[in-house]
C-alpha atoms as a PDB file:
ATOM      1  CA  MET A   1     -14.236 -39.572  76.198  1.00  0.00           C
ATOM      2  CA  ALA A   2     -11.471 -41.442  75.102  1.00  0.00           C
ATOM      3  CA  ARG A   3      -7.561 -40.547  75.617  1.00  0.00           C
ATOM      4  CA  SER A   4      -5.554 -39.909  72.602  1.00  0.00           C
ATOM      5  CA  ARG A   5      -1.848 -38.807  72.136  1.00  0.00           C
ATOM      6  CA  THR A   6      -0.932 -35.235  70.680  1.00  0.00           C
ATOM      7  CA  THR A   7       2.212 -33.856  69.202  1.00  0.00           C
ATOM      8  CA  ALA A   8       2.018 -30.666  70.876  1.00  0.00           C
ATOM      9  CA  ARG A   9       5.113 -29.024  70.172  1.00  0.00           C
ATOM     10  CA  ARG A  10       6.480 -26.164  72.339  1.00  0.00           C
ATOM     11  CA  ASN A  11       8.150 -23.286  71.376  1.00  0.00           C
ATOM     12  CA  ARG A  12       8.047 -19.756  72.814  1.00  0.00           C
ATOM     13  CA  ARG A  13       5.093 -18.241  70.982  1.00  0.00           C
ATOM     14  CA  SER A  14       2.625 -16.602  73.551  1.00  0.00           C
ATOM     15  CA  LYS A  15      -0.430 -18.374  73.996  1.00  0.00           C
ATOM     16  CA  ARG A  16      -2.418 -15.683  72.369  1.00  0.00           C
ATOM     17  CA  SER A  17      -0.482 -16.212  69.453  1.00  0.00           C
ATOM     18  CA  VAL A  18      -1.279 -20.385  69.684  1.00  0.00           C
ATOM     19  CA  LYS A  19      -5.125 -19.514  70.297  1.00  0.00           C
ATOM     20  CA  THR A  20      -5.157 -17.356  67.272  1.00  0.00           C
ATOM     21  CA  ASP A  21      -3.194 -20.086  65.152  1.00  0.00           C
ATOM     22  CA  ASP A  22      -5.298 -22.471  66.527  1.00  0.00           C
ATOM     23  CA  ALA A  23      -8.808 -20.560  65.470  1.00  0.00           C
ATOM     24  CA  ALA A  24      -7.587 -19.797  62.384  1.00  0.00           C
ATOM     25  CA  ARG A  25      -7.188 -23.317  61.408  1.00  0.00           C
ATOM     26  CA  ILE A  26     -10.166 -24.944  62.524  1.00  0.00           C
ATOM     27  CA  PRO A  27     -13.460 -24.690  60.325  1.00  0.00           C
ATOM     28  CA  LEU A  28     -15.660 -23.488  62.747  1.00  0.00           C
ATOM     29  CA  GLY A  29     -13.208 -20.559  63.361  1.00  0.00           C
ATOM     30  CA  ARG A  30     -13.408 -20.899  66.929  1.00  0.00           C
ATOM     31  CA  ARG A  31     -11.532 -23.309  69.539  1.00  0.00           C
ATOM     32  CA  GLY A  32     -13.731 -25.618  71.780  1.00  0.00           C
ATOM     33  CA  ARG A  33     -15.054 -24.596  74.998  1.00  0.00           C
ATOM     34  CA  PRO A  34     -15.034 -27.521  78.248  1.00  0.00           C
ATOM     35  CA  ALA A  35     -18.776 -26.348  78.377  1.00  0.00           C
ATOM     36  CA  GLY A  36     -19.422 -26.956  74.553  1.00  0.00           C
ATOM     37  CA  ILE A  37     -17.987 -30.721  75.264  1.00  0.00           C
ATOM     38  CA  ALA A  38     -19.933 -31.131  78.093  1.00  0.00           C
ATOM     39  CA  ALA A  39     -23.188 -30.099  76.705  1.00  0.00           C
ATOM     40  CA  TRP A  40     -22.931 -32.686  74.147  1.00  0.00           C
ATOM     41  CA  ILE A  41     -21.941 -35.222  76.257  1.00  0.00           C
ATOM     42  CA  LEU A  42     -24.901 -35.056  78.315  1.00  0.00           C
ATOM     43  CA  GLY A  43     -26.895 -35.430  75.027  1.00  0.00           C
ATOM     44  CA  LEU A  44     -25.371 -38.325  74.323  1.00  0.00           C
ATOM     45  CA  ALA A  45     -27.033 -39.522  77.530  1.00  0.00           C
ATOM     46  CA  ASP A  46     -30.628 -38.674  76.587  1.00  0.00           C
ATOM     47  CA  PRO A  47     -32.343 -41.930  75.234  1.00  0.00           C
ATOM     48  CA  LEU A  48     -33.086 -40.742  71.957  1.00  0.00           C
ATOM     49  CA  ALA A  49     -29.183 -40.875  71.744  1.00  0.00           C
ATOM     50  CA  ASP A  50     -29.708 -44.970  72.356  1.00  0.00           C
ATOM     51  CA  ARG A  51     -27.926 -45.843  68.690  1.00  0.00           C
ATOM     52  CA  LEU A  52     -24.491 -44.561  69.729  1.00  0.00           C
ATOM     53  CA  THR A  53     -22.799 -47.141  71.403  1.00  0.00           C
ATOM     54  CA  GLY A  54     -18.777 -48.152  71.084  1.00  0.00           C
ATOM     55  CA  GLN A  55     -17.938 -44.722  68.931  1.00  0.00           C
ATOM     56  CA  VAL A  56     -15.180 -42.448  69.270  1.00  0.00           C
ATOM     57  CA  PRO A  57     -16.459 -39.154  67.648  1.00  0.00           C
ATOM     58  CA  PRO A  58     -14.097 -36.605  67.061  1.00  0.00           C
ATOM     59  CA  VAL A  59     -14.633 -33.222  69.273  1.00  0.00           C
ATOM     60  CA  GLY A  60     -12.284 -30.948  66.889  1.00  0.00           C
ATOM     61  CA  GLY A  61     -14.845 -28.385  65.683  1.00  0.00           C
ATOM     62  CA  GLY A  62     -14.385 -29.911  61.984  1.00  0.00           C
ATOM     63  CA  LEU A  63     -10.966 -29.747  61.283  1.00  0.00           C
ATOM     64  CA  ALA A  64     -10.705 -34.196  60.982  1.00  0.00           C
ATOM     65  CA  VAL A  65     -13.225 -33.513  58.254  1.00  0.00           C
ATOM     66  CA  ALA A  66     -11.463 -31.112  56.437  1.00  0.00           C
ATOM     67  CA  GLY A  67      -8.689 -32.354  56.375  1.00  0.00           C
END
């Protein structure tokens, strides 16, 4: 996993409001969960995934592709 900088904004919106707004922008329609990311990483550890080296794939529910 690669670290990245974010442009997170702080304001007084409720956590529920932020989660709802985030989910509306993501093409999959929901926010990711840590368990989903962990399962994806375990898949990369499979010997069949030996061609994926030196990559930093985006984990954003399709947000980067949708633009």
